[in-house]
Amino acid sequence: MTKLIGFGRCLGKTTMAILESHATGNRILVANQKMAENTFKMAQELGYAIPYPICVNDLVRTPHAYSSDEHLIIDNVEMVLREMLHNKIDTITFDNRAIDPEDRYLEEISTLKQEVDACYKEKTELYQDIHDKAEHIERIKRSNIELTQALSDTIYTDMRAKARYRQQGRKWRAR
C-alpha cells in the first residue's frame, strides 16, 4: 500500500519516513548523499535503527546492487525526481486504488498525528532532565565565554610569537 505524507517544510515528513523505515525495514531513497547522511544521522539521534538510505546517484550508478523486489520509501519525491531527470518538477500524480479518495487524507492525517505526538512525547521526556532551563542557558554561556577566552589567549600567544620572530628578523638584517 502506498502512503502519501505531505506537509509544509520542517513539519516532520522525514521523521515520518524514518518511522516507516524503522517499522518496515524498507530503505529510504533520497536525492543525494548529503541527504542520506542527514537522514541516517537524524534516525540515530531519534533512536531508530534503519537501513542506510540510498541516494539517486547510487541507484543510477550501481542498479545491480539493489533488488528490484526491495520496497522503497521516497523522501522528498520532488527532489528525487529532479535529481534523476535533471528537470524541474511542476506536478506529480500517483495512482493508489487501495484507499478511497475521501478517506485517504483522514487516515493519513490521524496516523501521522499519532506518530508526531509520539515523537514530541519522546523529545519532552529528553528535556525533562534539564530542571532549570535558565541555569542550563547560563552554563552554556559560561562555557562559551571560557572557550572564547581560551581562543583569544591562543590567538594572542600566536601574535606575540610572530611579533618576536619579526623582531629577530629585523635584528639580523640590521647587523
N, C-alpha and C. Protein backbone atom coordinates (compact mmCIF):
# COMPACT_ATOMS: atom_id res chain seq x y z
N MET A 1 0.84 -1.18 0.00
CA MET A 1 0.00 0.00 0.00
C MET A 1 0.89 1.24 0.00
N THR A 2 0.61 2.16 -0.87
CA THR A 2 1.37 3.40 -0.96
C THR A 2 0.84 4.40 0.05
N LYS A 3 1.76 5.02 0.79
CA LYS A 3 1.37 6.08 1.73
C LYS A 3 1.80 7.41 1.15
N LEU A 4 1.01 8.42 1.39
CA LEU A 4 1.33 9.77 0.95
C LEU A 4 1.48 10.63 2.19
N ILE A 5 2.67 11.20 2.37
CA ILE A 5 2.93 12.07 3.51
C ILE A 5 3.24 13.44 2.94
N GLY A 6 2.39 14.41 3.18
CA GLY A 6 2.61 15.73 2.63
C GLY A 6 2.28 16.82 3.62
N PHE A 7 3.29 17.58 3.99
CA PHE A 7 3.13 18.73 4.87
C PHE A 7 3.97 19.86 4.30
N GLY A 8 3.99 20.98 5.01
CA GLY A 8 4.89 22.07 4.66
C GLY A 8 6.31 21.75 5.10
N ARG A 9 7.21 22.70 4.91
CA ARG A 9 8.61 22.49 5.27
C ARG A 9 8.77 22.37 6.78
N CYS A 10 9.67 21.48 7.18
CA CYS A 10 10.06 21.29 8.59
C CYS A 10 8.89 20.89 9.49
N LEU A 11 8.00 20.05 8.99
CA LEU A 11 6.87 19.62 9.81
C LEU A 11 6.88 18.12 10.07
N GLY A 12 7.99 17.44 9.78
CA GLY A 12 8.11 16.05 10.18
C GLY A 12 7.97 15.01 9.10
N LYS A 13 8.08 15.39 7.82
CA LYS A 13 7.95 14.39 6.75
C LYS A 13 9.09 13.38 6.79
N THR A 14 10.31 13.85 6.95
CA THR A 14 11.46 12.94 7.02
C THR A 14 11.37 12.07 8.27
N THR A 15 10.92 12.64 9.36
CA THR A 15 10.74 11.87 10.59
C THR A 15 9.72 10.75 10.36
N MET A 16 8.65 11.06 9.63
CA MET A 16 7.66 10.03 9.33
C MET A 16 8.26 8.94 8.44
N ALA A 17 9.11 9.33 7.49
CA ALA A 17 9.78 8.35 6.64
C ALA A 17 10.71 7.46 7.48
N ILE A 18 11.40 8.07 8.44
CA ILE A 18 12.28 7.31 9.33
C ILE A 18 11.46 6.32 10.16
N LEU A 19 10.33 6.77 10.70
CA LEU A 19 9.46 5.88 11.48
C LEU A 19 8.97 4.72 10.62
N GLU A 20 8.59 5.01 9.39
CA GLU A 20 8.12 3.97 8.47
C GLU A 20 9.24 2.98 8.16
N SER A 21 10.45 3.50 7.93
CA SER A 21 11.60 2.64 7.65
C SER A 21 11.92 1.77 8.86
N HIS A 22 11.85 2.36 10.03
CA HIS A 22 12.12 1.60 11.26
C HIS A 22 11.08 0.48 11.44
N ALA A 23 9.83 0.79 11.15
CA ALA A 23 8.76 -0.19 11.34
C ALA A 23 8.80 -1.31 10.31
N THR A 24 9.12 -0.97 9.05
CA THR A 24 9.04 -1.96 7.96
C THR A 24 10.39 -2.54 7.56
N GLY A 25 11.48 -1.82 7.85
CA GLY A 25 12.80 -2.27 7.41
C GLY A 25 13.11 -1.88 5.98
N ASN A 26 12.22 -1.10 5.35
CA ASN A 26 12.45 -0.66 3.97
C ASN A 26 13.46 0.48 3.95
N ARG A 27 14.21 0.58 2.85
CA ARG A 27 15.19 1.65 2.70
C ARG A 27 14.50 2.95 2.28
N ILE A 28 15.15 4.06 2.62
CA ILE A 28 14.68 5.38 2.21
C ILE A 28 15.51 5.81 1.01
N LEU A 29 14.85 6.27 -0.05
CA LEU A 29 15.53 6.80 -1.23
C LEU A 29 15.51 8.32 -1.14
N VAL A 30 16.69 8.94 -1.21
CA VAL A 30 16.81 10.40 -1.13
C VAL A 30 17.53 10.92 -2.36
N ALA A 31 17.56 12.24 -2.52
CA ALA A 31 18.10 12.85 -3.73
C ALA A 31 19.62 12.77 -3.83
N ASN A 32 20.33 12.96 -2.72
CA ASN A 32 21.80 12.99 -2.80
C ASN A 32 22.42 12.40 -1.54
N GLN A 33 23.74 12.27 -1.58
CA GLN A 33 24.47 11.62 -0.49
C GLN A 33 24.36 12.41 0.82
N LYS A 34 24.36 13.74 0.73
CA LYS A 34 24.25 14.58 1.93
C LYS A 34 22.92 14.34 2.64
N MET A 35 21.85 14.22 1.85
CA MET A 35 20.54 13.95 2.44
C MET A 35 20.52 12.56 3.07
N ALA A 36 21.21 11.60 2.45
CA ALA A 36 21.29 10.24 3.01
C ALA A 36 21.99 10.29 4.37
N GLU A 37 23.11 11.02 4.43
CA GLU A 37 23.85 11.15 5.69
C GLU A 37 22.99 11.81 6.76
N ASN A 38 22.32 12.91 6.37
CA ASN A 38 21.49 13.65 7.34
C ASN A 38 20.32 12.80 7.83
N THR A 39 19.69 12.05 6.92
CA THR A 39 18.56 11.22 7.31
C THR A 39 19.01 10.12 8.26
N PHE A 40 20.14 9.48 7.96
CA PHE A 40 20.64 8.41 8.82
C PHE A 40 21.04 8.97 10.19
N LYS A 41 21.68 10.14 10.19
CA LYS A 41 22.08 10.78 11.44
C LYS A 41 20.84 11.15 12.28
N MET A 42 19.80 11.67 11.60
CA MET A 42 18.57 12.03 12.30
C MET A 42 17.93 10.80 12.93
N ALA A 43 17.94 9.68 12.20
CA ALA A 43 17.37 8.44 12.73
C ALA A 43 18.13 7.99 13.97
N GLN A 44 19.46 8.10 13.93
CA GLN A 44 20.27 7.72 15.08
C GLN A 44 19.97 8.62 16.27
N GLU A 45 19.84 9.94 16.01
CA GLU A 45 19.55 10.88 17.10
C GLU A 45 18.18 10.59 17.73
N LEU A 46 17.22 10.17 16.89
CA LEU A 46 15.89 9.84 17.40
C LEU A 46 15.85 8.46 18.05
N GLY A 47 16.92 7.68 17.86
CA GLY A 47 17.00 6.36 18.47
C GLY A 47 16.37 5.25 17.65
N TYR A 48 16.23 5.45 16.34
CA TYR A 48 15.64 4.44 15.48
C TYR A 48 16.71 3.78 14.63
N ALA A 49 16.61 2.47 14.48
CA ALA A 49 17.55 1.71 13.64
C ALA A 49 16.91 1.54 12.26
N ILE A 50 17.56 2.11 11.25
CA ILE A 50 17.07 1.98 9.88
C ILE A 50 18.22 1.56 8.98
N PRO A 51 17.92 0.94 7.83
CA PRO A 51 18.99 0.67 6.87
C PRO A 51 19.50 2.00 6.31
N TYR A 52 20.79 2.04 5.93
CA TYR A 52 21.36 3.29 5.42
C TYR A 52 20.61 3.70 4.15
N PRO A 53 20.16 4.96 4.06
CA PRO A 53 19.39 5.41 2.90
C PRO A 53 20.18 5.33 1.59
N ILE A 54 19.46 5.15 0.50
CA ILE A 54 20.05 5.10 -0.84
C ILE A 54 19.87 6.48 -1.46
N CYS A 55 20.91 6.96 -2.15
CA CYS A 55 20.74 8.22 -2.89
C CYS A 55 20.60 7.88 -4.38
N VAL A 56 20.06 8.81 -5.14
CA VAL A 56 19.79 8.60 -6.56
C VAL A 56 21.05 8.21 -7.31
N ASN A 57 22.17 8.86 -7.01
CA ASN A 57 23.42 8.55 -7.71
C ASN A 57 23.82 7.09 -7.51
N ASP A 58 23.67 6.57 -6.29
CA ASP A 58 23.99 5.16 -6.04
C ASP A 58 23.08 4.25 -6.85
N LEU A 59 21.81 4.59 -6.90
CA LEU A 59 20.83 3.77 -7.61
C LEU A 59 21.11 3.76 -9.11
N VAL A 60 21.52 4.91 -9.65
CA VAL A 60 21.80 5.01 -11.09
C VAL A 60 23.13 4.36 -11.42
N ARG A 61 24.15 4.59 -10.58
CA ARG A 61 25.49 4.06 -10.84
C ARG A 61 25.57 2.55 -10.70
N THR A 62 24.93 2.01 -9.67
CA THR A 62 25.02 0.57 -9.41
C THR A 62 23.64 -0.04 -9.22
N PRO A 63 22.83 -0.08 -10.29
CA PRO A 63 21.47 -0.63 -10.13
C PRO A 63 21.48 -2.11 -9.78
N HIS A 64 22.53 -2.83 -10.16
CA HIS A 64 22.60 -4.27 -9.88
C HIS A 64 22.78 -4.56 -8.39
N ALA A 65 23.19 -3.56 -7.62
CA ALA A 65 23.43 -3.76 -6.19
C ALA A 65 22.14 -3.76 -5.37
N TYR A 66 21.05 -3.31 -5.99
CA TYR A 66 19.78 -3.21 -5.27
C TYR A 66 18.76 -4.13 -5.91
N SER A 67 17.99 -4.80 -5.10
CA SER A 67 16.99 -5.75 -5.57
C SER A 67 15.78 -5.01 -6.13
N SER A 68 15.24 -5.52 -7.23
CA SER A 68 14.04 -4.91 -7.79
C SER A 68 12.81 -5.26 -6.94
N ASP A 69 12.95 -6.26 -6.07
CA ASP A 69 11.85 -6.63 -5.17
C ASP A 69 11.84 -5.78 -3.90
N GLU A 70 12.89 -5.01 -3.70
CA GLU A 70 13.01 -4.20 -2.49
C GLU A 70 12.00 -3.05 -2.52
N HIS A 71 11.30 -2.87 -1.41
CA HIS A 71 10.35 -1.76 -1.29
C HIS A 71 11.11 -0.53 -0.83
N LEU A 72 10.74 0.63 -1.36
CA LEU A 72 11.44 1.87 -1.02
C LEU A 72 10.48 2.88 -0.42
N ILE A 73 11.01 3.72 0.43
CA ILE A 73 10.31 4.88 0.96
C ILE A 73 11.03 6.07 0.35
N ILE A 74 10.33 6.88 -0.42
CA ILE A 74 10.97 8.02 -1.08
C ILE A 74 10.73 9.26 -0.24
N ASP A 75 11.82 9.86 0.22
CA ASP A 75 11.74 11.10 1.00
C ASP A 75 11.97 12.26 0.05
N ASN A 76 11.05 13.19 0.05
CA ASN A 76 11.12 14.37 -0.81
C ASN A 76 11.15 13.95 -2.28
N VAL A 77 10.04 13.40 -2.73
CA VAL A 77 9.94 12.83 -4.08
C VAL A 77 10.27 13.85 -5.17
N GLU A 78 9.92 15.11 -4.94
CA GLU A 78 10.21 16.13 -5.96
C GLU A 78 11.71 16.27 -6.19
N MET A 79 12.49 16.32 -5.10
CA MET A 79 13.95 16.43 -5.25
C MET A 79 14.54 15.17 -5.87
N VAL A 80 14.00 13.99 -5.51
CA VAL A 80 14.50 12.74 -6.08
C VAL A 80 14.27 12.72 -7.59
N LEU A 81 13.07 13.09 -8.02
CA LEU A 81 12.78 13.11 -9.46
C LEU A 81 13.61 14.17 -10.18
N ARG A 82 13.78 15.33 -9.55
CA ARG A 82 14.59 16.39 -10.16
C ARG A 82 16.03 15.91 -10.34
N GLU A 83 16.55 15.19 -9.35
CA GLU A 83 17.92 14.68 -9.42
C GLU A 83 18.04 13.60 -10.50
N MET A 84 17.01 12.78 -10.66
CA MET A 84 17.04 11.71 -11.66
C MET A 84 16.87 12.25 -13.07
N LEU A 85 15.96 13.21 -13.23
CA LEU A 85 15.61 13.70 -14.56
C LEU A 85 16.34 14.97 -14.97
N HIS A 86 16.93 15.65 -14.01
CA HIS A 86 17.61 16.93 -14.25
C HIS A 86 16.67 17.98 -14.84
N ASN A 87 15.42 17.93 -14.44
CA ASN A 87 14.42 18.92 -14.85
C ASN A 87 13.64 19.35 -13.62
N LYS A 88 13.04 20.53 -13.70
CA LYS A 88 12.17 20.98 -12.62
C LYS A 88 10.84 20.24 -12.71
N ILE A 89 10.28 19.89 -11.56
CA ILE A 89 9.02 19.15 -11.49
C ILE A 89 7.92 20.13 -11.07
N ASP A 90 6.88 20.25 -11.90
CA ASP A 90 5.77 21.15 -11.58
C ASP A 90 4.61 20.41 -10.91
N THR A 91 4.30 19.21 -11.41
CA THR A 91 3.15 18.47 -10.91
C THR A 91 3.49 17.00 -10.79
N ILE A 92 3.01 16.38 -9.74
CA ILE A 92 3.22 14.94 -9.54
C ILE A 92 1.85 14.32 -9.31
N THR A 93 1.55 13.23 -10.03
CA THR A 93 0.32 12.48 -9.79
C THR A 93 0.71 11.06 -9.44
N PHE A 94 -0.18 10.35 -8.79
CA PHE A 94 0.08 8.94 -8.49
C PHE A 94 -1.24 8.20 -8.43
N ASP A 95 -1.17 6.89 -8.55
CA ASP A 95 -2.35 6.05 -8.54
C ASP A 95 -2.31 5.14 -7.32
N ASN A 96 -3.33 5.21 -6.51
CA ASN A 96 -3.42 4.35 -5.34
C ASN A 96 -4.87 3.93 -5.19
N ARG A 97 -5.18 2.73 -5.63
CA ARG A 97 -6.56 2.24 -5.60
C ARG A 97 -6.91 1.59 -4.27
N ALA A 98 -5.93 1.44 -3.39
CA ALA A 98 -6.19 0.76 -2.12
C ALA A 98 -6.99 1.63 -1.15
N ILE A 99 -6.99 2.94 -1.36
CA ILE A 99 -7.66 3.86 -0.44
C ILE A 99 -8.68 4.68 -1.22
N ASP A 100 -9.87 4.82 -0.67
CA ASP A 100 -10.86 5.69 -1.29
C ASP A 100 -10.39 7.13 -1.19
N PRO A 101 -10.62 7.94 -2.22
CA PRO A 101 -10.15 9.33 -2.19
C PRO A 101 -10.64 10.12 -0.98
N GLU A 102 -11.88 9.82 -0.52
CA GLU A 102 -12.42 10.58 0.61
C GLU A 102 -11.69 10.24 1.91
N ASP A 103 -11.31 8.96 2.04
CA ASP A 103 -10.71 8.51 3.29
C ASP A 103 -9.20 8.71 3.34
N ARG A 104 -8.58 8.90 2.18
CA ARG A 104 -7.11 8.92 2.11
C ARG A 104 -6.50 9.93 3.08
N TYR A 105 -6.96 11.16 3.01
CA TYR A 105 -6.34 12.20 3.84
C TYR A 105 -6.70 12.04 5.31
N LEU A 106 -7.92 11.62 5.61
CA LEU A 106 -8.32 11.46 7.01
C LEU A 106 -7.49 10.37 7.69
N GLU A 107 -7.29 9.24 7.00
CA GLU A 107 -6.48 8.17 7.56
C GLU A 107 -5.05 8.62 7.79
N GLU A 108 -4.47 9.23 6.77
CA GLU A 108 -3.07 9.66 6.85
C GLU A 108 -2.88 10.69 7.95
N ILE A 109 -3.76 11.66 8.00
CA ILE A 109 -3.61 12.73 8.99
C ILE A 109 -3.73 12.17 10.41
N SER A 110 -4.68 11.28 10.65
CA SER A 110 -4.82 10.73 12.00
C SER A 110 -3.61 9.88 12.37
N THR A 111 -3.12 9.07 11.42
CA THR A 111 -1.93 8.25 11.69
C THR A 111 -0.72 9.12 11.95
N LEU A 112 -0.54 10.12 11.11
CA LEU A 112 0.63 10.99 11.26
C LEU A 112 0.56 11.81 12.53
N LYS A 113 -0.62 12.24 12.91
CA LYS A 113 -0.76 12.99 14.17
C LYS A 113 -0.32 12.12 15.35
N GLN A 114 -0.72 10.85 15.33
CA GLN A 114 -0.32 9.94 16.41
C GLN A 114 1.20 9.77 16.44
N GLU A 115 1.80 9.61 15.25
CA GLU A 115 3.24 9.41 15.18
C GLU A 115 3.99 10.68 15.61
N VAL A 116 3.50 11.84 15.18
CA VAL A 116 4.13 13.11 15.58
C VAL A 116 4.01 13.31 17.08
N ASP A 117 2.84 13.00 17.64
CA ASP A 117 2.66 13.11 19.09
C ASP A 117 3.64 12.22 19.84
N ALA A 118 3.86 11.01 19.31
CA ALA A 118 4.81 10.09 19.95
C ALA A 118 6.22 10.67 19.91
N CYS A 119 6.59 11.28 18.77
CA CYS A 119 7.93 11.90 18.67
C CYS A 119 8.08 13.05 19.65
N TYR A 120 7.06 13.92 19.73
CA TYR A 120 7.15 15.04 20.65
C TYR A 120 7.17 14.57 22.10
N LYS A 121 6.46 13.48 22.39
CA LYS A 121 6.48 12.94 23.74
C LYS A 121 7.89 12.48 24.10
N GLU A 122 8.57 11.82 23.15
CA GLU A 122 9.95 11.40 23.39
C GLU A 122 10.85 12.59 23.63
N LYS A 123 10.67 13.66 22.83
CA LYS A 123 11.51 14.85 23.00
C LYS A 123 11.28 15.50 24.36
N THR A 124 10.02 15.59 24.79
CA THR A 124 9.76 16.21 26.09
C THR A 124 10.36 15.39 27.22
N GLU A 125 10.36 14.07 27.07
CA GLU A 125 10.99 13.22 28.08
C GLU A 125 12.49 13.47 28.14
N LEU A 126 13.10 13.72 26.99
CA LEU A 126 14.53 14.01 26.97
C LEU A 126 14.83 15.34 27.67
N TYR A 127 13.97 16.33 27.45
CA TYR A 127 14.22 17.65 28.02
C TYR A 127 13.80 17.77 29.48
N GLN A 128 13.13 16.77 30.02
CA GLN A 128 12.76 16.81 31.43
C GLN A 128 13.98 16.68 32.32
N ASP A 129 15.08 16.15 31.78
CA ASP A 129 16.30 16.02 32.57
C ASP A 129 16.87 17.38 32.95
N ILE A 130 16.60 18.39 32.16
CA ILE A 130 17.08 19.74 32.45
C ILE A 130 16.05 20.39 33.38
N HIS A 131 16.41 20.51 34.66
CA HIS A 131 15.46 21.01 35.65
C HIS A 131 15.21 22.51 35.48
N ASP A 132 16.27 23.25 35.35
CA ASP A 132 16.12 24.69 35.27
C ASP A 132 16.73 25.16 33.96
N LYS A 133 15.88 25.59 33.03
CA LYS A 133 16.38 26.00 31.72
C LYS A 133 17.29 27.21 31.82
N ALA A 134 16.97 28.14 32.71
CA ALA A 134 17.80 29.33 32.87
C ALA A 134 19.19 28.94 33.34
N GLU A 135 19.27 27.98 34.26
CA GLU A 135 20.57 27.51 34.74
C GLU A 135 21.34 26.84 33.61
N HIS A 136 20.64 26.08 32.80
CA HIS A 136 21.28 25.41 31.66
C HIS A 136 21.82 26.44 30.66
N ILE A 137 21.04 27.48 30.41
CA ILE A 137 21.47 28.53 29.48
C ILE A 137 22.69 29.25 30.04
N GLU A 138 22.68 29.55 31.34
CA GLU A 138 23.83 30.21 31.96
C GLU A 138 25.08 29.33 31.88
N ARG A 139 24.90 28.02 32.08
CA ARG A 139 26.02 27.10 31.98
C ARG A 139 26.60 27.11 30.56
N ILE A 140 25.73 27.13 29.57
CA ILE A 140 26.19 27.19 28.17
C ILE A 140 26.90 28.51 27.91
N LYS A 141 26.35 29.61 28.44
CA LYS A 141 27.00 30.92 28.25
C LYS A 141 28.39 30.92 28.87
N ARG A 142 28.51 30.38 30.11
CA ARG A 142 29.81 30.35 30.78
C ARG A 142 30.82 29.53 29.98
N SER A 143 30.38 28.38 29.48
CA SER A 143 31.32 27.55 28.71
C SER A 143 31.69 28.25 27.41
N ASN A 144 30.75 28.98 26.82
CA ASN A 144 31.04 29.73 25.60
C ASN A 144 32.06 30.83 25.89
N ILE A 145 31.89 31.53 27.01
CA ILE A 145 32.84 32.58 27.39
C ILE A 145 34.22 31.99 27.64
N GLU A 146 34.26 30.84 28.34
CA GLU A 146 35.55 30.19 28.61
C GLU A 146 36.24 29.78 27.31
N LEU A 147 35.47 29.23 26.39
CA LEU A 147 36.05 28.83 25.10
C LEU A 147 36.55 30.05 24.31
N THR A 148 35.77 31.14 24.36
CA THR A 148 36.18 32.36 23.66
C THR A 148 37.46 32.92 24.27
N GLN A 149 37.55 32.91 25.61
CA GLN A 149 38.77 33.39 26.27
C GLN A 149 39.96 32.51 25.92
N ALA A 150 39.77 31.21 25.91
CA ALA A 150 40.87 30.30 25.55
C ALA A 150 41.32 30.54 24.12
N LEU A 151 40.36 30.76 23.23
CA LEU A 151 40.69 31.03 21.83
C LEU A 151 41.44 32.35 21.70
N SER A 152 40.97 33.38 22.41
CA SER A 152 41.65 34.68 22.33
C SER A 152 43.06 34.59 22.93
N ASP A 153 43.24 33.81 24.00
CA ASP A 153 44.57 33.62 24.57
C ASP A 153 45.50 32.95 23.55
N THR A 154 44.98 31.95 22.86
CA THR A 154 45.77 31.26 21.84
C THR A 154 46.15 32.20 20.71
N ILE A 155 45.20 33.00 20.26
CA ILE A 155 45.48 33.95 19.18
C ILE A 155 46.50 34.98 19.64
N TYR A 156 46.36 35.48 20.89
CA TYR A 156 47.29 36.46 21.42
C TYR A 156 48.70 35.87 21.50
N THR A 157 48.81 34.62 21.97
CA THR A 157 50.11 33.95 22.07
C THR A 157 50.74 33.82 20.69
N ASP A 158 49.94 33.44 19.70
CA ASP A 158 50.44 33.34 18.33
C ASP A 158 50.91 34.69 17.81
N MET A 159 50.15 35.74 18.10
CA MET A 159 50.53 37.08 17.65
C MET A 159 51.86 37.50 18.28
N ARG A 160 52.03 37.22 19.59
CA ARG A 160 53.29 37.57 20.26
C ARG A 160 54.46 36.80 19.66
N ALA A 161 54.25 35.53 19.37
CA ALA A 161 55.32 34.72 18.78
C ALA A 161 55.70 35.25 17.40
N LYS A 162 54.72 35.63 16.61
CA LYS A 162 55.01 36.18 15.28
C LYS A 162 55.74 37.51 15.39
N ALA A 163 55.32 38.34 16.38
CA ALA A 163 55.99 39.63 16.57
C ALA A 163 57.45 39.43 16.97
N ARG A 164 57.72 38.47 17.87
CA ARG A 164 59.11 38.17 18.26
C ARG A 164 59.92 37.69 17.06
N TYR A 165 59.31 36.85 16.25
CA TYR A 165 60.01 36.32 15.07
C TYR A 165 60.37 37.45 14.11
N ARG A 166 59.42 38.37 13.89
CA ARG A 166 59.70 39.52 13.01
C ARG A 166 60.78 40.41 13.61
N GLN A 167 60.73 40.60 14.93
CA GLN A 167 61.72 41.44 15.61
C GLN A 167 63.11 40.83 15.48
N GLN A 168 63.22 39.52 15.64
CA GLN A 168 64.52 38.87 15.47
C GLN A 168 65.01 39.01 14.04
N GLY A 169 64.10 38.94 13.09
CA GLY A 169 64.49 39.12 11.68
C GLY A 169 65.04 40.50 11.44
N ARG A 170 64.46 41.51 12.07
CA ARG A 170 64.95 42.88 11.91
C ARG A 170 66.35 43.02 12.51
N LYS A 171 66.56 42.35 13.68
CA LYS A 171 67.88 42.42 14.32
C LYS A 171 68.94 41.81 13.42
N TRP A 172 68.63 40.68 12.79
CA TRP A 172 69.61 40.02 11.91
C TRP A 172 69.90 40.88 10.69
N ARG A 173 68.90 41.53 10.14
CA ARG A 173 69.12 42.38 8.96
C ARG A 173 69.92 43.62 9.32
N ALA A 174 69.74 44.12 10.56
CA ALA A 174 70.44 45.33 10.99
C ALA A 174 71.92 45.08 11.17
N ARG A 175 72.36 43.87 11.44
CA ARG A 175 73.78 43.57 11.66
C ARG A 175 74.51 43.63 10.41
